[in-house]
Protein backbone atom coordinates (compact mmCIF):
# COMPACT_ATOMS: atom_id res chain seq x y z
CA MET A 1 113.06 42.98 4.89
CA GLN A 2 113.21 43.20 1.10
CA PHE A 3 109.99 44.32 -0.60
CA VAL A 4 109.33 43.42 -4.21
CA ASP A 5 107.10 45.69 -6.30
CA ARG A 6 104.77 43.72 -8.52
CA ILE A 7 102.80 46.75 -9.66
CA LYS A 8 104.06 49.30 -12.15
CA ARG A 9 105.06 52.68 -10.74
CA VAL A 10 107.02 53.94 -13.74
CA LYS A 11 104.94 57.05 -14.38
CA SER A 12 104.42 57.72 -10.68
CA GLU A 13 108.16 57.47 -10.08
CA LYS A 14 108.87 59.85 -12.95
CA LEU A 15 106.30 62.36 -11.71
CA PHE A 16 107.62 62.09 -8.16
CA LYS A 17 111.18 62.73 -9.30
CA LYS A 18 110.01 65.90 -11.04
CA SER A 19 107.85 66.93 -8.11
CA LYS A 20 110.79 66.78 -5.73
CA THR A 21 112.37 69.63 -7.70
CA LEU A 22 109.21 71.70 -7.26
CA PHE A 23 107.77 70.96 -3.81
CA PRO A 24 109.27 70.19 -0.38
CA GLY A 25 109.57 66.42 -0.30
CA GLY A 26 107.86 66.32 -3.67
CA VAL A 27 104.40 66.72 -2.12
CA ASN A 28 101.94 69.32 -0.89
CA SER A 29 101.04 67.48 2.33
CA PRO A 30 103.68 65.43 4.20
CA VAL A 31 102.06 62.00 4.56
CA ARG A 32 101.60 61.75 0.79
CA ALA A 33 105.36 61.24 0.38
CA PHE A 34 105.09 57.54 1.40
CA LYS A 35 107.99 58.04 3.83
CA SER A 36 106.73 55.39 6.28
CA VAL A 37 105.77 52.82 3.63
CA THR A 38 107.46 51.51 0.48
CA GLY A 39 108.19 52.85 -2.96
CA ALA A 40 107.30 56.09 -4.66
CA PRO A 41 103.92 57.62 -3.86
CA LEU A 42 101.18 56.78 -6.29
CA PHE A 43 100.00 59.64 -8.49
CA ILE A 44 96.28 59.19 -8.91
CA ALA A 45 94.74 60.08 -12.25
CA ALA A 46 91.07 59.27 -11.68
CA GLY A 47 88.54 57.88 -9.27
CA ASN A 48 85.13 56.32 -9.67
CA GLY A 49 82.98 54.76 -6.97
CA SER A 50 85.21 52.68 -4.70
CA LYS A 51 88.10 52.62 -7.19
CA ILE A 52 91.05 54.87 -7.98
CA THR A 53 93.33 54.62 -11.01
CA ASP A 54 96.96 55.76 -10.93
CA GLU A 55 99.02 57.22 -13.75
CA ASP A 56 100.37 53.75 -14.59
CA GLY A 57 96.85 52.40 -15.10
CA ASN A 58 96.69 50.36 -11.88
CA VAL A 59 93.14 50.24 -10.51
CA PHE A 60 92.86 50.03 -6.72
CA THR A 61 89.97 49.51 -4.33
CA ASP A 62 90.31 52.59 -2.14
CA PHE A 63 89.79 52.66 1.63
CA CYS A 64 91.41 56.06 2.17
CA ALA A 65 88.60 58.09 0.54
CA SER A 66 90.76 61.21 0.28
CA TRP A 67 91.28 60.88 4.06
CA GLY A 68 87.56 60.83 4.78
CA PRO A 69 85.57 63.37 2.74
CA LEU A 70 84.32 60.93 0.09
CA ILE A 71 81.52 59.26 2.04
CA HIS A 72 79.72 58.62 -1.27
CA GLY A 73 82.83 57.38 -3.05
CA HIS A 74 84.74 58.93 -5.92
CA ASN A 75 83.15 61.02 -8.66
CA ASP A 76 79.60 60.70 -7.34
CA VAL A 77 77.24 61.53 -10.20
CA ASP A 78 74.94 63.81 -8.20
CA ILE A 79 77.81 65.77 -6.70
CA GLN A 80 79.49 66.04 -10.08
CA LYS A 81 76.30 67.45 -11.64
CA ALA A 82 75.95 70.01 -8.84
CA ILE A 83 79.54 71.18 -9.36
CA VAL A 84 79.23 71.48 -13.14
CA LYS A 85 75.89 73.29 -12.95
CA THR A 86 77.23 75.80 -10.44
CA VAL A 87 80.64 76.39 -11.96
CA LYS A 88 79.02 77.38 -15.26
CA LYS A 89 77.64 80.43 -13.44
CA GLY A 90 80.99 81.43 -11.96
CA THR A 91 83.54 80.20 -9.46
CA SER A 92 83.79 82.94 -6.83
CA PHE A 93 82.13 86.27 -6.15
CA GLY A 94 83.30 87.35 -2.70
CA THR A 95 79.66 88.04 -1.85
CA PRO A 96 76.83 86.18 -0.15
CA THR A 97 75.12 83.62 -2.38
CA ARG A 98 72.02 81.50 -1.96
CA TYR A 99 74.23 78.42 -1.67
CA GLY A 100 75.51 79.58 1.70
CA THR A 101 72.00 80.28 2.99
CA GLU A 102 70.60 76.99 1.74
CA MET A 103 73.54 74.94 3.02
CA GLY A 104 73.48 76.63 6.42
CA GLU A 105 69.76 76.03 6.72
CA LEU A 106 70.11 72.38 5.70
CA ILE A 107 72.76 71.75 8.36
CA ILE A 108 71.22 73.72 11.22
CA GLN A 109 67.72 72.33 10.70
CA ASN A 110 69.09 68.79 10.95
CA HIS A 111 71.65 69.29 13.74
CA ARG A 112 70.18 70.02 17.16
CA PHE A 113 73.50 71.24 18.61
CA LEU A 114 74.01 74.05 16.09
CA GLU A 115 72.23 77.40 16.27
CA LYS A 116 74.56 79.46 14.10
CA MET A 117 77.62 78.63 12.03
CA ARG A 118 80.19 80.06 9.66
CA PHE A 119 81.89 78.51 6.64
CA VAL A 120 85.65 78.69 6.13
CA CYS A 121 88.05 76.91 3.76
CA SER A 122 89.65 74.13 5.82
CA GLY A 123 89.39 72.20 9.05
CA THR A 124 92.54 73.90 10.33
CA GLU A 125 90.96 77.31 9.71
CA ALA A 126 87.80 76.18 11.49
CA VAL A 127 89.75 75.13 14.58
CA MET A 128 91.87 78.28 14.58
CA SER A 129 88.72 80.42 14.41
CA ALA A 130 86.90 78.45 17.11
CA ILE A 131 89.84 78.83 19.51
CA ARG A 132 89.96 82.58 18.90
CA LEU A 133 86.22 82.80 19.41
CA ALA A 134 86.39 80.88 22.69
CA ARG A 135 89.10 83.20 23.96
CA GLY A 136 87.17 86.27 22.86
CA TYR A 137 83.92 85.07 24.42
CA THR A 138 85.42 84.07 27.77
CA GLY A 139 88.13 86.70 28.07
CA LYS A 140 90.55 83.91 29.08
CA SER A 141 93.59 82.69 27.17
CA LYS A 142 94.55 79.13 28.04
CA VAL A 143 93.45 76.07 26.05
CA ILE A 144 93.40 72.41 27.04
CA LYS A 145 94.08 69.81 24.36
CA PHE A 146 94.78 66.09 24.60
CA GLU A 147 97.77 64.03 23.56
CA GLY A 148 96.77 61.96 20.54
CA CYS A 149 94.21 64.42 19.19
CA TYR A 150 95.12 66.36 16.05
CA HIS A 151 93.49 69.68 15.24
CA GLY A 152 95.24 70.74 12.05
CA HIS A 153 98.43 72.76 11.89
CA VAL A 154 97.25 75.59 14.16
CA ASP A 155 100.39 76.99 15.83
CA ALA A 156 98.98 76.95 19.36
CA LEU A 157 97.91 73.31 19.04
CA MET A 158 101.10 71.89 17.52
CA VAL A 159 102.13 70.75 20.98
CA LYS A 160 103.04 67.46 22.59
CA ALA A 161 102.89 66.68 26.28
CA GLY A 162 105.85 67.20 28.58
CA SER A 163 106.69 65.16 31.63
CA GLY A 164 104.13 66.41 34.14
CA LEU A 165 100.40 66.02 34.57
CA ALA A 166 99.55 69.38 33.06
CA THR A 167 102.60 70.49 31.17
CA PHE A 168 102.92 73.46 28.88
CA GLY A 169 104.54 71.08 26.46
CA THR A 170 106.96 71.44 23.60
CA SER A 171 106.21 72.23 19.99
CA THR A 172 105.94 69.38 17.51
CA SER A 173 107.02 71.67 14.67
CA SER A 174 109.89 74.03 14.07
CA GLY A 175 108.77 77.59 13.51
CA VAL A 176 106.34 77.59 16.43
CA PRO A 177 107.80 79.84 19.15
CA ASP A 178 107.47 78.90 22.79
CA ALA A 179 105.50 82.10 23.36
CA VAL A 180 102.78 80.83 21.02
CA ILE A 181 102.23 77.59 22.93
CA GLN A 182 102.68 78.85 26.47
CA ASP A 183 98.89 79.04 26.89
CA THR A 184 98.33 75.46 25.69
CA ILE A 185 97.91 72.75 28.33
CA VAL A 186 98.38 69.18 27.10
CA LEU A 187 96.68 66.34 28.98
CA ALA A 188 96.53 62.58 28.55
CA LEU A 189 93.43 61.03 27.09
CA ASN A 190 91.33 58.86 29.38
CA ASP A 191 92.59 60.49 32.59
CA LEU A 192 89.48 62.04 34.09
CA ASP A 193 91.02 62.70 37.51
CA GLY A 194 93.90 64.60 35.95
CA PHE A 195 91.52 66.62 33.81
CA HIS A 196 89.37 67.53 36.81
CA LYS A 197 92.40 68.61 38.83
CA VAL A 198 93.64 70.96 36.11
CA LEU A 199 90.22 72.55 35.67
CA LYS A 200 89.80 72.95 39.42
CA ASP A 201 93.22 74.59 39.80
CA SER A 202 93.27 76.78 36.66
CA HIS A 203 89.69 77.26 35.39
CA ASP A 204 89.90 81.03 35.86
CA GLN A 205 92.57 81.07 33.11
CA ILE A 206 91.17 78.39 30.78
CA ALA A 207 89.02 79.55 27.86
CA CYS A 208 88.22 76.15 26.38
CA VAL A 209 88.84 72.46 26.10
CA ILE A 210 89.21 71.04 22.60
CA ILE A 211 89.01 67.32 21.87
CA GLU A 212 88.35 64.96 19.01
CA PRO A 213 85.37 63.06 20.46
CA VAL A 214 86.48 60.27 18.13
CA PRO A 215 90.28 60.61 18.03
CA ALA A 216 91.15 59.35 14.56
CA ASN A 217 94.48 60.88 13.59
CA ASN A 218 96.75 58.84 15.84
CA GLY A 219 94.99 55.54 15.46
CA LEU A 220 91.33 55.14 16.34
CA LEU A 221 91.44 55.90 20.07
CA LEU A 222 87.83 55.29 21.00
CA GLN A 223 86.91 56.84 24.35
CA ASP A 224 84.11 55.72 26.63
CA HIS A 225 80.86 57.68 26.59
CA ASN A 226 81.22 58.17 30.35
CA TYR A 227 84.58 59.89 29.90
CA LEU A 228 83.23 62.34 27.33
CA SER A 229 80.13 63.00 29.43
CA TRP A 230 82.23 63.93 32.46
CA ILE A 231 84.37 66.25 30.36
CA ARG A 232 81.15 68.06 29.47
CA LYS A 233 80.01 68.14 33.13
CA TYR A 234 83.32 69.45 34.41
CA CYS A 235 83.45 72.15 31.73
CA ASP A 236 80.00 73.30 32.86
CA GLU A 237 81.00 73.15 36.52
CA PHE A 238 84.05 75.36 36.02
CA GLY A 239 82.74 77.71 33.32
CA VAL A 240 84.98 76.50 30.49
CA LEU A 241 83.83 76.10 26.88
CA LEU A 242 83.94 72.68 25.25
CA ILE A 243 84.90 72.38 21.58
CA PHE A 244 84.38 69.13 19.68
CA ASP A 245 86.71 68.85 16.70
CA GLU A 246 84.52 66.91 14.28
CA VAL A 247 86.50 67.48 11.11
CA ILE A 248 86.63 63.69 10.71
CA SER A 249 83.65 62.49 12.75
CA GLY A 250 81.24 65.22 11.60
CA PHE A 251 78.56 63.79 9.27
CA ARG A 252 80.47 60.48 9.35
CA LEU A 253 78.97 58.91 12.51
CA GLY A 254 75.58 60.27 11.56
CA PHE A 255 74.30 63.64 10.38
CA GLU A 256 74.97 65.03 13.87
CA GLY A 257 78.37 63.39 14.00
CA ALA A 258 79.90 62.36 17.31
CA SER A 259 77.87 65.00 19.17
CA GLY A 260 74.68 63.21 18.20
CA TYR A 261 76.20 59.73 18.45
CA TYR A 262 77.13 60.33 22.10
CA ASN A 263 74.26 62.78 22.74
CA ILE A 264 76.65 65.36 24.18
CA GLN A 265 76.26 69.05 23.38
CA PRO A 266 79.54 70.92 22.96
CA ASP A 267 79.60 74.71 23.00
CA LEU A 268 81.33 74.84 19.61
CA ILE A 269 81.92 72.26 16.87
CA THR A 270 84.43 72.36 14.02
CA PHE A 271 83.85 70.67 10.67
CA GLY A 272 85.58 69.95 7.38
CA LYS A 273 85.95 67.08 4.91
CA ILE A 274 82.44 65.67 4.19
CA ILE A 275 80.64 69.03 4.06
CA GLY A 276 82.64 69.99 0.96
CA GLY A 277 81.56 67.03 -1.14
CA GLY A 278 85.21 66.50 -2.09
CA LEU A 279 86.17 70.17 -2.37
CA PRO A 280 88.13 72.22 0.22
CA VAL A 281 85.94 73.38 3.10
CA GLY A 282 85.66 74.01 6.81
CA ALA A 283 83.03 75.34 9.20
CA TYR A 284 82.48 76.05 12.85
CA GLY A 285 79.34 76.68 14.82
CA GLY A 286 77.46 76.25 18.04
CA ARG A 287 75.42 78.30 20.46
CA ALA A 288 74.06 81.54 18.99
CA GLU A 289 75.17 83.49 22.05
CA ILE A 290 78.79 82.52 21.43
CA MET A 291 78.66 82.86 17.64
CA SER A 292 77.30 86.41 18.04
CA MET A 293 80.82 87.42 19.14
CA ILE A 294 82.06 86.92 15.56
CA ALA A 295 82.46 90.04 13.37
CA PRO A 296 80.46 91.86 12.11
CA ASP A 297 78.13 91.13 15.06
CA GLY A 298 80.90 91.13 17.62
CA PRO A 299 84.57 91.95 18.28
CA VAL A 300 86.19 88.61 17.31
CA TYR A 301 87.53 89.05 13.79
CA GLN A 302 87.58 86.28 11.22
CA ALA A 303 87.25 86.60 7.44
CA GLY A 304 88.03 84.75 4.23
CA THR A 305 87.88 85.62 0.53
CA LEU A 306 86.80 82.14 -0.53
CA SER A 307 84.66 81.27 2.51
CA ALA A 308 81.28 79.80 1.48
CA ASN A 309 82.52 79.39 -2.07
CA PRO A 310 79.43 78.62 -4.18
CA VAL A 311 80.95 75.67 -6.05
CA THR A 312 82.10 74.02 -2.83
CA LEU A 313 78.76 74.53 -1.13
CA ALA A 314 76.83 73.22 -4.12
CA ALA A 315 78.94 70.05 -3.94
CA GLY A 316 78.47 69.88 -0.18
CA MET A 317 74.73 70.40 -0.41
CA SER A 318 74.42 67.50 -2.83
CA ALA A 319 76.53 65.29 -0.54
CA LEU A 320 74.59 66.16 2.60
CA LYS A 321 71.15 65.68 1.05
CA LYS A 322 72.14 62.12 0.17
CA LEU A 323 73.16 61.52 3.81
CA LEU A 324 69.63 62.32 4.94
CA LYS A 325 68.11 59.49 2.91
CA PRO A 326 66.55 56.87 5.22
CA GLY A 327 68.87 53.96 5.96
CA PHE A 328 72.06 55.53 4.59
CA TYR A 329 74.03 55.50 7.83
CA GLU A 330 72.62 52.14 8.92
CA SER A 331 73.77 50.54 5.68
CA LEU A 332 77.23 52.06 5.98
CA SER A 333 77.59 50.92 9.57
CA GLU A 334 76.48 47.39 8.73
CA LYS A 335 79.09 47.12 6.00
CA THR A 336 81.85 48.38 8.28
CA GLN A 337 80.89 46.01 11.10
CA TYR A 338 80.88 43.14 8.59
CA LEU A 339 84.37 44.14 7.46
CA THR A 340 85.89 44.38 10.93
CA GLN A 341 84.25 41.17 12.16
CA LYS A 342 85.54 39.19 9.17
CA LEU A 343 89.00 40.72 9.55
CA ASN A 344 89.07 39.72 13.21
CA ASP A 345 88.05 36.19 12.23
CA VAL A 346 91.03 36.11 9.86
CA PHE A 347 93.44 37.38 12.52
CA VAL A 348 92.27 34.72 14.98
CA LYS A 349 92.43 31.96 12.37
CA ASN A 350 95.96 32.91 11.34
CA ASP A 351 97.07 33.47 14.95
CA VAL A 352 98.47 36.98 14.48
CA ASN A 353 98.46 39.67 17.14
CA MET A 354 96.19 42.02 15.22
CA SER A 355 92.62 43.27 15.49
CA ALA A 356 90.21 45.59 13.69
CA ILE A 357 87.91 48.09 15.36
CA CYS A 358 85.30 50.47 14.01
CA VAL A 359 82.82 53.17 14.86
CA ALA A 360 80.14 53.83 12.23
CA SER A 361 82.05 53.77 8.91
CA ILE A 362 85.53 54.47 10.34
CA PHE A 363 87.83 51.51 10.94
CA TRP A 364 91.40 50.88 12.06
CA ILE A 365 93.63 47.83 11.99
CA LYS A 366 95.97 47.64 14.99
CA PHE A 367 98.77 45.32 15.93
CA THR A 368 97.41 44.23 19.28
CA LYS A 369 94.23 42.69 20.60
CA ASN A 370 94.20 45.07 23.55
CA ARG A 371 91.97 48.12 23.64
CA ILE A 372 93.90 51.34 23.04
CA PHE A 373 92.75 54.57 24.67
CA SER A 374 95.86 56.72 24.25
CA PRO A 375 98.81 56.96 21.85
CA ASP A 376 101.36 55.73 24.39
CA GLN A 377 99.66 52.31 24.24
CA ILE A 378 100.46 51.89 20.54
CA GLY A 379 103.37 49.49 20.05
CA THR A 380 106.71 50.86 18.88
CA ASP A 381 106.81 48.25 16.10
CA THR A 382 103.50 49.42 14.60
CA THR A 383 105.09 51.34 11.73
CA GLU A 384 107.29 48.44 10.63
CA LYS A 385 104.43 45.97 10.73
CA PHE A 386 102.12 48.33 8.87
CA LYS A 387 104.76 48.73 6.17
CA ILE A 388 104.34 45.02 5.38
CA ILE A 389 100.56 45.28 5.28
CA HIS A 390 100.52 48.44 3.17
CA HIS A 391 103.01 47.12 0.64
CA GLU A 392 101.29 43.78 0.19
CA LEU A 393 97.84 45.37 -0.07
CA LEU A 394 99.12 47.60 -2.88
CA GLN A 395 100.40 44.52 -4.71
CA ARG A 396 96.85 43.16 -4.46
CA LEU A 397 95.44 46.46 -5.75
CA ILE A 398 94.01 47.68 -2.45
CA TYR A 399 94.82 51.21 -1.31
CA PHE A 400 95.17 52.31 2.32
CA GLY A 401 96.42 55.68 3.49
CA PRO A 402 100.25 55.48 3.76
CA SER A 403 100.44 55.69 7.56
CA ALA A 404 99.93 53.17 10.35
CA TYR A 405 98.22 55.85 12.42
CA GLU A 406 95.55 56.86 9.92
CA VAL A 407 92.14 55.25 9.86
CA GLY A 408 90.27 53.71 6.95
CA PHE A 409 86.82 54.59 5.65
CA VAL A 410 83.96 52.66 4.10
CA SER A 411 81.85 54.64 1.66
CA GLY A 412 78.41 54.24 0.19
CA ALA A 413 80.13 53.14 -3.03
CA HIS A 414 81.86 50.15 -1.44
CA THR A 415 80.16 46.84 -2.17
CA TYR A 416 80.40 43.67 -0.12
CA GLU A 417 82.55 42.33 -2.96
CA ASP A 418 85.00 45.17 -2.28
CA LEU A 419 85.05 44.29 1.40
CA ASP A 420 85.58 40.62 0.64
CA LEU A 421 88.58 41.54 -1.53
CA LEU A 422 90.19 43.23 1.46
CA ILE A 423 89.30 40.34 3.78
CA ALA A 424 90.78 37.77 1.40
CA ALA A 425 93.91 39.87 0.91
CA MET A 426 94.41 40.18 4.66
CA ASP A 427 93.96 36.44 5.04
CA ASP A 428 96.69 35.83 2.47
CA ILE A 429 99.07 38.48 3.86
CA THR A 430 98.76 37.56 7.54
CA LEU A 431 99.30 33.89 6.74
CA GLN A 432 102.33 34.66 4.58
CA TYR A 433 103.90 37.05 7.09
CA LYS A 434 102.67 35.33 10.25
CA ASN A 435 106.08 35.26 11.91
CA TRP A 436 106.56 38.99 11.35
CA LEU A 437 103.14 39.93 12.71
CA GLN A 438 103.24 38.13 16.07
């Protein structure tokens, strides 16, 4: 299919050409290269509210939200003021500051499943540290993860399933030796019997189970509450720690994230994205007994020069305080439900095999009307169909993340007019490309 660009990308194309001489693939994170969509990646110059502006002056309504952190939209005034006020006093000290104490207190006092926590600089670092902590606390080495859940680029978790029920799978990245992943067990999502069998057979070797309670990096693979509840029960039964990776779902489904949404208490939780207010951040926490194993209290070492950076935590504190305002999450959820319902009305009207799903303010458009629990249920033509949608949305000045497997986000800055723009655009696109989207 031939795609015609009706938006200017002259400056973006020039910058991308230069960037390819400086960075692998011209980018500093792979998906930004637009490899699975069309044209050169857009170089964004500014953002405000629900809008982003690229270097060519195109203004887009943004549903990517920097891949999730910007729950209040771009360039939020309160967050901006907090950053400027703090940065005037310095950017980093390598010491404790009151920002860490105040932020920790704010989170723990409003999250019933956290007793102690530690700040780090990314979600990947949070997961890496939580895995090490679980191994140190239990004295066991093996880790269970699930196909379709992404936990950052931690070596031991860059694994895909093999052919058996509980395979010590193969690496999804070069540079990860087999020895590094030999203690990682990969299981299918939504297979409770298989999970129980592995725990029963190998629990004396398994330190922890890690799962995205809302898998949102390989499509939005919503699991049933019953499934997650039984994972918790089986972990208790066999003495295995449960880690919820809430880098995406944390503070997005509610202040207590997916843990609170499903009312399930994990032993450890990892965070990122929203708690930085748009700046780089990560954190992990859970039961005090387990967290006491972290140095200097215990023997599990983890450190970081820029952990609990004052500027980041000032931004995060401003963002989180706004989340606690009455009605914030309810309003966000209502907007997202409105969006997905209207999109589904469009898909039915135009007789295309597509549907939209959501949880809280996370949504995903899929190319089937069937429920999808695991990545193997996603159609092989998904990428090609999404390429049409992504390209045509860009022409209508609507920005989605450049991957069929990434979710979209509604922020507090999105208006119903913004949502109606997307709905109208989808109506136009699905009617125009109806034969391609069956």
